[in-house]
PDB file of all heavy atoms in Angstrom:
ATOM      1  N   VAL A   1      95.512  89.248 106.497  1.00  0.00           N
ATOM      2  CA  VAL A   1      96.224  88.299 105.638  1.00  0.00           C
ATOM      3  C   VAL A   1      97.424  88.990 104.987  1.00  0.00           C
ATOM      4  O   VAL A   1      97.532  90.207 104.979  1.00  0.00           O
ATOM      5  CB  VAL A   1      95.290  87.741 104.536  1.00  0.00           C
ATOM      6  CG1 VAL A   1      94.147  86.940 105.135  1.00  0.00           C
ATOM      7  CG2 VAL A   1      94.748  88.866 103.646  1.00  0.00           C
ATOM      8  N   THR A   2      98.305  88.190 104.420  1.00  0.00           N
ATOM      9  CA  THR A   2      99.344  88.683 103.521  1.00  0.00           C
ATOM     10  C   THR A   2      98.963  88.263 102.109  1.00  0.00           C
ATOM     11  O   THR A   2      98.314  87.232 101.915  1.00  0.00           O
ATOM     12  CB  THR A   2     100.733  88.115 103.878  1.00  0.00           C
ATOM     13  OG1 THR A   2     100.710  86.685 103.766  1.00  0.00           O
ATOM     14  CG2 THR A   2     101.119  88.503 105.294  1.00  0.00           C
ATOM     15  N   PHE A   3      99.378  89.047 101.115  1.00  0.00           N
ATOM     16  CA  PHE A   3      98.994  88.751  99.734  1.00  0.00           C
ATOM     17  C   PHE A   3      99.886  89.534  98.785  1.00  0.00           C
ATOM     18  O   PHE A   3     100.672  90.398  99.198  1.00  0.00           O
ATOM     19  CB  PHE A   3      97.522  89.132  99.503  1.00  0.00           C
ATOM     20  CG  PHE A   3      97.258  90.599  99.686  1.00  0.00           C
ATOM     21  CD1 PHE A   3      97.325  91.489  98.625  1.00  0.00           C
ATOM     22  CD2 PHE A   3      96.966  91.115 100.950  1.00  0.00           C
ATOM     23  CE1 PHE A   3      97.108  92.841  98.803  1.00  0.00           C
ATOM     24  CE2 PHE A   3      96.744  92.462 101.141  1.00  0.00           C
ATOM     25  CZ  PHE A   3      96.815  93.333 100.062  1.00  0.00           C
ATOM     26  N   GLU A   4      99.754  89.253  97.478  1.00  0.00           N
ATOM     27  CA  GLU A   4     100.390  90.030  96.423  1.00  0.00           C
ATOM     28  C   GLU A   4      99.345  90.375  95.376  1.00  0.00           C
ATOM     29  O   GLU A   4      98.470  89.563  95.064  1.00  0.00           O
ATOM     30  CB  GLU A   4     101.534  89.240  95.766  1.00  0.00           C
ATOM     31  CG  GLU A   4     102.741  89.034  96.663  1.00  0.00           C
ATOM     32  CD  GLU A   4     103.925  88.445  95.897  1.00  0.00           C
ATOM     33  OE1 GLU A   4     103.901  88.522  94.645  1.00  0.00           O
ATOM     34  OE2 GLU A   4     104.843  87.907  96.540  1.00  0.00           O
ATOM     35  N   TYR A   5      99.404  91.585  94.839  1.00  0.00           N
ATOM     36  CA  TYR A   5      98.503  91.970  93.769  1.00  0.00           C
ATOM     37  C   TYR A   5      98.897  91.264  92.467  1.00  0.00           C
ATOM     38  O   TYR A   5     100.088  91.098  92.176  1.00  0.00           O
ATOM     39  CB  TYR A   5      98.518  93.474  93.560  1.00  0.00           C
ATOM     40  CG  TYR A   5      97.787  94.246  94.638  1.00  0.00           C
ATOM     41  CD1 TYR A   5      98.489  95.005  95.571  1.00  0.00           C
ATOM     42  CD2 TYR A   5      96.401  94.224  94.711  1.00  0.00           C
ATOM     43  CE1 TYR A   5      97.819  95.718  96.555  1.00  0.00           C
ATOM     44  CE2 TYR A   5      95.730  94.931  95.700  1.00  0.00           C
ATOM     45  CZ  TYR A   5      96.446  95.672  96.613  1.00  0.00           C
ATOM     46  OH  TYR A   5      95.778  96.367  97.589  1.00  0.00           O
ATOM     47  N   VAL A   6      97.896  90.884  91.693  1.00  0.00           N
ATOM     48  CA  VAL A   6      98.161  90.197  90.425  1.00  0.00           C
ATOM     49  C   VAL A   6      98.869  91.136  89.459  1.00  0.00           C
ATOM     50  O   VAL A   6      99.861  90.759  88.825  1.00  0.00           O
ATOM     51  CB  VAL A   6      96.838  89.687  89.817  1.00  0.00           C
ATOM     52  CG1 VAL A   6      97.091  89.054  88.447  1.00  0.00           C
ATOM     53  CG2 VAL A   6      96.171  88.677  90.743  1.00  0.00           C
ATOM     54  N   ASP A   7      98.369  92.359  89.318  1.00  0.00           N
ATOM     55  CA  ASP A   7      98.977  93.357  88.424  1.00  0.00           C
ATOM     56  C   ASP A   7      98.998  94.696  89.152  1.00  0.00           C
ATOM     57  O   ASP A   7      98.137  95.551  88.936  1.00  0.00           O
ATOM     58  CB  ASP A   7      98.179  93.461  87.124  1.00  0.00           C
ATOM     59  CG  ASP A   7      98.876  94.331  86.076  1.00  0.00           C
ATOM     60  OD1 ASP A   7      99.962  94.880  86.382  1.00  0.00           O
ATOM     61  OD2 ASP A   7      98.327  94.472  84.972  1.00  0.00           O
ATOM     62  N   PRO A   8      99.957  94.904  90.057  1.00  0.00           N
ATOM     63  CA  PRO A   8      99.952  96.120  90.886  1.00  0.00           C
ATOM     64  C   PRO A   8     100.058  97.407  90.086  1.00  0.00           C
ATOM     65  O   PRO A   8      99.458  98.416  90.435  1.00  0.00           O
ATOM     66  CB  PRO A   8     101.162  95.927  91.812  1.00  0.00           C
ATOM     67  CG  PRO A   8     102.024  94.934  91.113  1.00  0.00           C
ATOM     68  CD  PRO A   8     101.104  94.043  90.355  1.00  0.00           C
ATOM     69  N   GLU A   9     100.801  97.391  88.992  1.00  0.00           N
ATOM     70  CA  GLU A   9     100.994  98.612  88.208  1.00  0.00           C
ATOM     71  C   GLU A   9      99.681  99.102  87.614  1.00  0.00           C
ATOM     72  O   GLU A   9      99.436 100.306  87.540  1.00  0.00           O
ATOM     73  CB  GLU A   9     102.013  98.359  87.095  1.00  0.00           C
ATOM     74  CG  GLU A   9     102.370  99.614  86.296  1.00  0.00           C
ATOM     75  CD  GLU A   9     103.458  99.357  85.281  1.00  0.00           C
ATOM     76  OE1 GLU A   9     104.027  98.238  85.282  1.00  0.00           O
ATOM     77  OE2 GLU A   9     103.734 100.265  84.481  1.00  0.00           O
ATOM     78  N   ALA A  10      98.817  98.182  87.223  1.00  0.00           N
ATOM     79  CA  ALA A  10      97.547  98.563  86.589  1.00  0.00           C
ATOM     80  C   ALA A  10      96.624  99.296  87.543  1.00  0.00           C
ATOM     81  O   ALA A  10      95.770 100.071  87.104  1.00  0.00           O
ATOM     82  CB  ALA A  10      96.855  97.330  86.035  1.00  0.00           C
ATOM     83  N   ILE A  11      96.773  99.058  88.848  1.00  0.00           N
ATOM     84  CA  ILE A  11      95.893  99.699  89.833  1.00  0.00           C
ATOM     85  C   ILE A  11      96.674 100.635  90.744  1.00  0.00           C
ATOM     86  O   ILE A  11      96.206 101.005  91.831  1.00  0.00           O
ATOM     87  CB  ILE A  11      95.161  98.632  90.682  1.00  0.00           C
ATOM     88  CG1 ILE A  11      96.149  97.683  91.355  1.00  0.00           C
ATOM     89  CG2 ILE A  11      94.172  97.861  89.835  1.00  0.00           C
ATOM     90  CD1 ILE A  11      95.491  96.690  92.308  1.00  0.00           C
ATOM     91  N   HIS A  12      97.876 101.041  90.321  1.00  0.00           N
ATOM     92  CA  HIS A  12      98.700 102.007  91.045  1.00  0.00           C
ATOM     93  C   HIS A  12      99.033 101.522  92.457  1.00  0.00           C
ATOM     94  O   HIS A  12      99.027 102.299  93.412  1.00  0.00           O
ATOM     95  CB  HIS A  12      98.015 103.373  91.131  1.00  0.00           C
ATOM     96  CG  HIS A  12      97.642 103.949  89.799  1.00  0.00           C
ATOM     97  ND1 HIS A  12      96.772 105.011  89.666  1.00  0.00           N
ATOM     98  CD2 HIS A  12      98.008 103.619  88.549  1.00  0.00           C
ATOM     99  CE1 HIS A  12      96.626 105.305  88.390  1.00  0.00           C
ATOM    100  NE2 HIS A  12      97.373 104.468  87.691  1.00  0.00           N
ATOM    101  N   GLU A  13      99.318 100.225  92.605  1.00  0.00           N
ATOM    102  CA  GLU A  13      99.693  99.676  93.900  1.00  0.00           C
ATOM    103  C   GLU A  13     101.150  99.226  93.877  1.00  0.00           C
ATOM    104  O   GLU A  13     101.769  99.097  92.825  1.00  0.00           O
ATOM    105  CB  GLU A  13      98.783  98.495  94.263  1.00  0.00           C
ATOM    106  CG  GLU A  13      97.386  98.897  94.704  1.00  0.00           C
ATOM    107  CD  GLU A  13      97.369  99.565  96.069  1.00  0.00           C
ATOM    108  OE1 GLU A  13      98.416  99.566  96.736  1.00  0.00           O
ATOM    109  OE2 GLU A  13      96.314 100.089  96.460  1.00  0.00           O
ATOM    110  N   LEU A  14     101.690  98.956  95.086  1.00  0.00           N
ATOM    111  CA  LEU A  14     103.077  98.523  95.203  1.00  0.00           C
ATOM    112  C   LEU A  14     103.190  97.024  94.965  1.00  0.00           C
ATOM    113  O   LEU A  14     102.303  96.257  95.341  1.00  0.00           O
ATOM    114  CB  LEU A  14     103.618  98.868  96.596  1.00  0.00           C
ATOM    115  CG  LEU A  14     103.693 100.355  96.943  1.00  0.00           C
ATOM    116  CD1 LEU A  14     104.134 100.536  98.388  1.00  0.00           C
ATOM    117  CD2 LEU A  14     104.617 101.093  96.001  1.00  0.00           C
ATOM    118  N   PRO A  15     104.275  96.578  94.353  1.00  0.00           N
ATOM    119  CA  PRO A  15     104.481  95.140  94.162  1.00  0.00           C
ATOM    120  C   PRO A  15     104.989  94.486  95.438  1.00  0.00           C
ATOM    121  O   PRO A  15     105.281  95.160  96.429  1.00  0.00           O
ATOM    122  CB  PRO A  15     105.543  95.096  93.056  1.00  0.00           C
ATOM    123  CG  PRO A  15     106.337  96.358  93.260  1.00  0.00           C
ATOM    124  CD  PRO A  15     105.348  97.385  93.726  1.00  0.00           C
ATOM    125  N   GLY A  16     105.085  93.146  95.409  1.00  0.00           N
ATOM    126  CA  GLY A  16     105.610  92.413  96.554  1.00  0.00           C
ATOM    127  C   GLY A  16     104.528  92.048  97.547  1.00  0.00           C
ATOM    128  O   GLY A  16     103.339  92.278  97.337  1.00  0.00           O
ATOM    129  N   THR A  17     104.953  91.468  98.657  1.00  0.00           N
ATOM    130  CA  THR A  17     104.019  91.008  99.686  1.00  0.00           C
ATOM    131  C   THR A  17     103.435  92.188 100.448  1.00  0.00           C
ATOM    132  O   THR A  17     104.158  93.055 100.930  1.00  0.00           O
ATOM    133  CB  THR A  17     104.727  90.058 100.670  1.00  0.00           C
ATOM    134  OG1 THR A  17     105.261  88.949  99.948  1.00  0.00           O
ATOM    135  CG2 THR A  17     103.747  89.551 101.713  1.00  0.00           C
ATOM    136  N   ARG A  18     102.108  92.208 100.547  1.00  0.00           N
ATOM    137  CA  ARG A  18     101.400  93.263 101.248  1.00  0.00           C
ATOM    138  C   ARG A  18     100.628  92.679 102.429  1.00  0.00           C
ATOM    139  O   ARG A  18     100.418  91.466 102.508  1.00  0.00           O
ATOM    140  CB  ARG A  18     100.414  93.993 100.324  1.00  0.00           C
ATOM    141  CG  ARG A  18     100.941  94.333  98.938  1.00  0.00           C
ATOM    142  CD  ARG A  18     102.160  95.212  98.982  1.00  0.00           C
ATOM    143  NE  ARG A  18     101.926  96.437  99.710  1.00  0.00           N
ATOM    144  CZ  ARG A  18     102.894  97.228 100.179  1.00  0.00           C
ATOM    145  NH1 ARG A  18     104.159  96.870 100.042  1.00  0.00           N
ATOM    146  NH2 ARG A  18     102.587  98.332 100.804  1.00  0.00           N
ATOM    147  N   ILE A  19     100.191  93.523 103.349  1.00  0.00           N
ATOM    148  CA  ILE A  19      99.400  93.110 104.499  1.00  0.00           C
ATOM    149  C   ILE A  19      98.065  93.853 104.448  1.00  0.00           C
ATOM    150  O   ILE A  19      98.031  95.058 104.216  1.00  0.00           O
ATOM    151  CB  ILE A  19     100.122  93.425 105.821  1.00  0.00           C
ATOM    152  CG1 ILE A  19     101.424  92.633 105.915  1.00  0.00           C
ATOM    153  CG2 ILE A  19      99.224  93.115 107.018  1.00  0.00           C
ATOM    154  CD1 ILE A  19     102.255  92.980 107.137  1.00  0.00           C
ATOM    155  N   GLY A  20      96.982  93.139 104.664  1.00  0.00           N
ATOM    156  CA  GLY A  20      95.677  93.789 104.626  1.00  0.00           C
ATOM    157  C   GLY A  20      94.553  92.802 104.853  1.00  0.00           C
ATOM    158  O   GLY A  20      94.722  91.787 105.536  1.00  0.00           O
ATOM    159  N   MET A  21      93.414  93.082 104.249  1.00  0.00           N
ATOM    160  CA  MET A  21      92.235  92.231 104.374  1.00  0.00           C
ATOM    161  C   MET A  21      91.620  92.019 102.995  1.00  0.00           C
ATOM    162  O   MET A  21      91.995  92.690 102.028  1.00  0.00           O
ATOM    163  CB  MET A  21      91.224  92.859 105.342  1.00  0.00           C
ATOM    164  CG  MET A  21      91.706  92.876 106.789  1.00  0.00           C
ATOM    165  SD  MET A  21      90.527  93.655 107.937  1.00  0.00           S
ATOM    166  CE  MET A  21      90.799  95.377 107.574  1.00  0.00           C
ATOM    167  N   VAL A  22      90.663  91.123 102.904  1.00  0.00           N
ATOM    168  CA  VAL A  22      89.962  90.824 101.660  1.00  0.00           C
ATOM    169  C   VAL A  22      88.582  91.473 101.722  1.00  0.00           C
ATOM    170  O   VAL A  22      87.829  91.256 102.683  1.00  0.00           O
ATOM    171  CB  VAL A  22      89.838  89.304 101.447  1.00  0.00           C
ATOM    172  CG1 VAL A  22      89.076  89.003 100.157  1.00  0.00           C
ATOM    173  CG2 VAL A  22      91.228  88.658 101.418  1.00  0.00           C
ATOM    174  N   ALA A  23      88.255  92.275 100.724  1.00  0.00           N
ATOM    175  CA  ALA A  23      87.021  93.067 100.756  1.00  0.00           C
ATOM    176  C   ALA A  23      85.779  92.205 100.921  1.00  0.00           C
ATOM    177  O   ALA A  23      84.862  92.552 101.671  1.00  0.00           O
ATOM    178  CB  ALA A  23      86.910  93.906  99.481  1.00  0.00           C
ATOM    179  N   GLN A  24      85.717  91.065 100.243  1.00  0.00           N
ATOM    180  CA  GLN A  24      84.529  90.201 100.348  1.00  0.00           C
ATOM    181  C   GLN A  24      84.325  89.697 101.768  1.00  0.00           C
ATOM    182  O   GLN A  24      83.186  89.532 102.207  1.00  0.00           O
ATOM    183  CB  GLN A  24      84.643  89.027  99.371  1.00  0.00           C
ATOM    184  CG  GLN A  24      84.346  89.370  97.926  1.00  0.00           C
ATOM    185  CD  GLN A  24      85.552  89.925  97.195  1.00  0.00           C
ATOM    186  OE1 GLN A  24      86.555  90.292  97.810  1.00  0.00           O
ATOM    187  NE2 GLN A  24      85.486  89.980  95.874  1.00  0.00           N
ATOM    188  N   GLU A  25      85.420  89.462 102.487  1.00  0.00           N
ATOM    189  CA  GLU A  25      85.305  89.013 103.870  1.00  0.00           C
ATOM    190  C   GLU A  25      84.888  90.159 104.788  1.00  0.00           C
ATOM    191  O   GLU A  25      84.059  89.985 105.697  1.00  0.00           O
ATOM    192  CB  GLU A  25      86.633  88.413 104.339  1.00  0.00           C
ATOM    193  CG  GLU A  25      87.053  87.174 103.573  1.00  0.00           C
ATOM    194  CD  GLU A  25      88.405  86.641 104.029  1.00  0.00           C
ATOM    195  OE1 GLU A  25      89.005  87.238 104.960  1.00  0.00           O
ATOM    196  OE2 GLU A  25      88.863  85.641 103.462  1.00  0.00           O
ATOM    197  N   VAL A  26      85.437  91.319 104.556  1.00  0.00           N
ATOM    198  CA  VAL A  26      85.093  92.485 105.370  1.00  0.00           C
ATOM    199  C   VAL A  26      83.631  92.867 105.172  1.00  0.00           C
ATOM    200  O   VAL A  26      82.948  93.296 106.110  1.00  0.00           O
ATOM    201  CB  VAL A  26      86.010  93.671 105.012  1.00  0.00           C
ATOM    202  CG1 VAL A  26      85.586  94.931 105.756  1.00  0.00           C
ATOM    203  CG2 VAL A  26      87.467  93.341 105.326  1.00  0.00           C
ATOM    204  N   GLU A  27      83.143  92.696 103.967  1.00  0.00           N
ATOM    205  CA  GLU A  27      81.777  93.104 103.634  1.00  0.00           C
ATOM    206  C   GLU A  27      80.731  92.408 104.494  1.00  0.00           C
ATOM    207  O   GLU A  27      79.666  92.974 104.773  1.00  0.00           O
ATOM    208  CB  GLU A  27      81.514  92.835 102.152  1.00  0.00           C
ATOM    209  CG  GLU A  27      80.263  93.481 101.612  1.00  0.00           C
ATOM    210  CD  GLU A  27      80.183  93.357 100.101  1.00  0.00           C
ATOM    211  OE1 GLU A  27      80.938  92.534  99.524  1.00  0.00           O
ATOM    212  OE2 GLU A  27      79.373  94.073  99.494  1.00  0.00           O
ATOM    213  N   THR A  28      81.014  91.185 104.936  1.00  0.00           N
ATOM    214  CA  THR A  28      80.051  90.462 105.769  1.00  0.00           C
ATOM    215  C   THR A  28      79.969  91.028 107.178  1.00  0.00           C
ATOM    216  O   THR A  28      78.985  90.803 107.885  1.00  0.00           O
ATOM    217  CB  THR A  28      80.437  88.968 105.849  1.00  0.00           C
ATOM    218  OG1 THR A  28      81.721  88.842 106.474  1.00  0.00           O
ATOM    219  CG2 THR A  28      80.499  88.354 104.455  1.00  0.00           C
ATOM    220  N   VAL A  29      81.002  91.751 107.616  1.00  0.00           N
ATOM    221  CA  VAL A  29      81.044  92.317 108.968  1.00  0.00           C
ATOM    222  C   VAL A  29      80.733  93.811 108.944  1.00  0.00           C
ATOM    223  O   VAL A  29      79.930  94.307 109.742  1.00  0.00           O
ATOM    224  CB  VAL A  29      82.416  92.072 109.617  1.00  0.00           C
ATOM    225  CG1 VAL A  29      82.415  92.564 111.070  1.00  0.00           C
ATOM    226  CG2 VAL A  29      82.809  90.608 109.550  1.00  0.00           C
TER     227      VAL A  29
END
């Protein structure tokens, strides 16, 4: 998926659109 972090600075992440997966979805596999 593509997504944006709600508060990237608080978790030391980059702002803007990112590409990745959702942990809750990955957890089932």
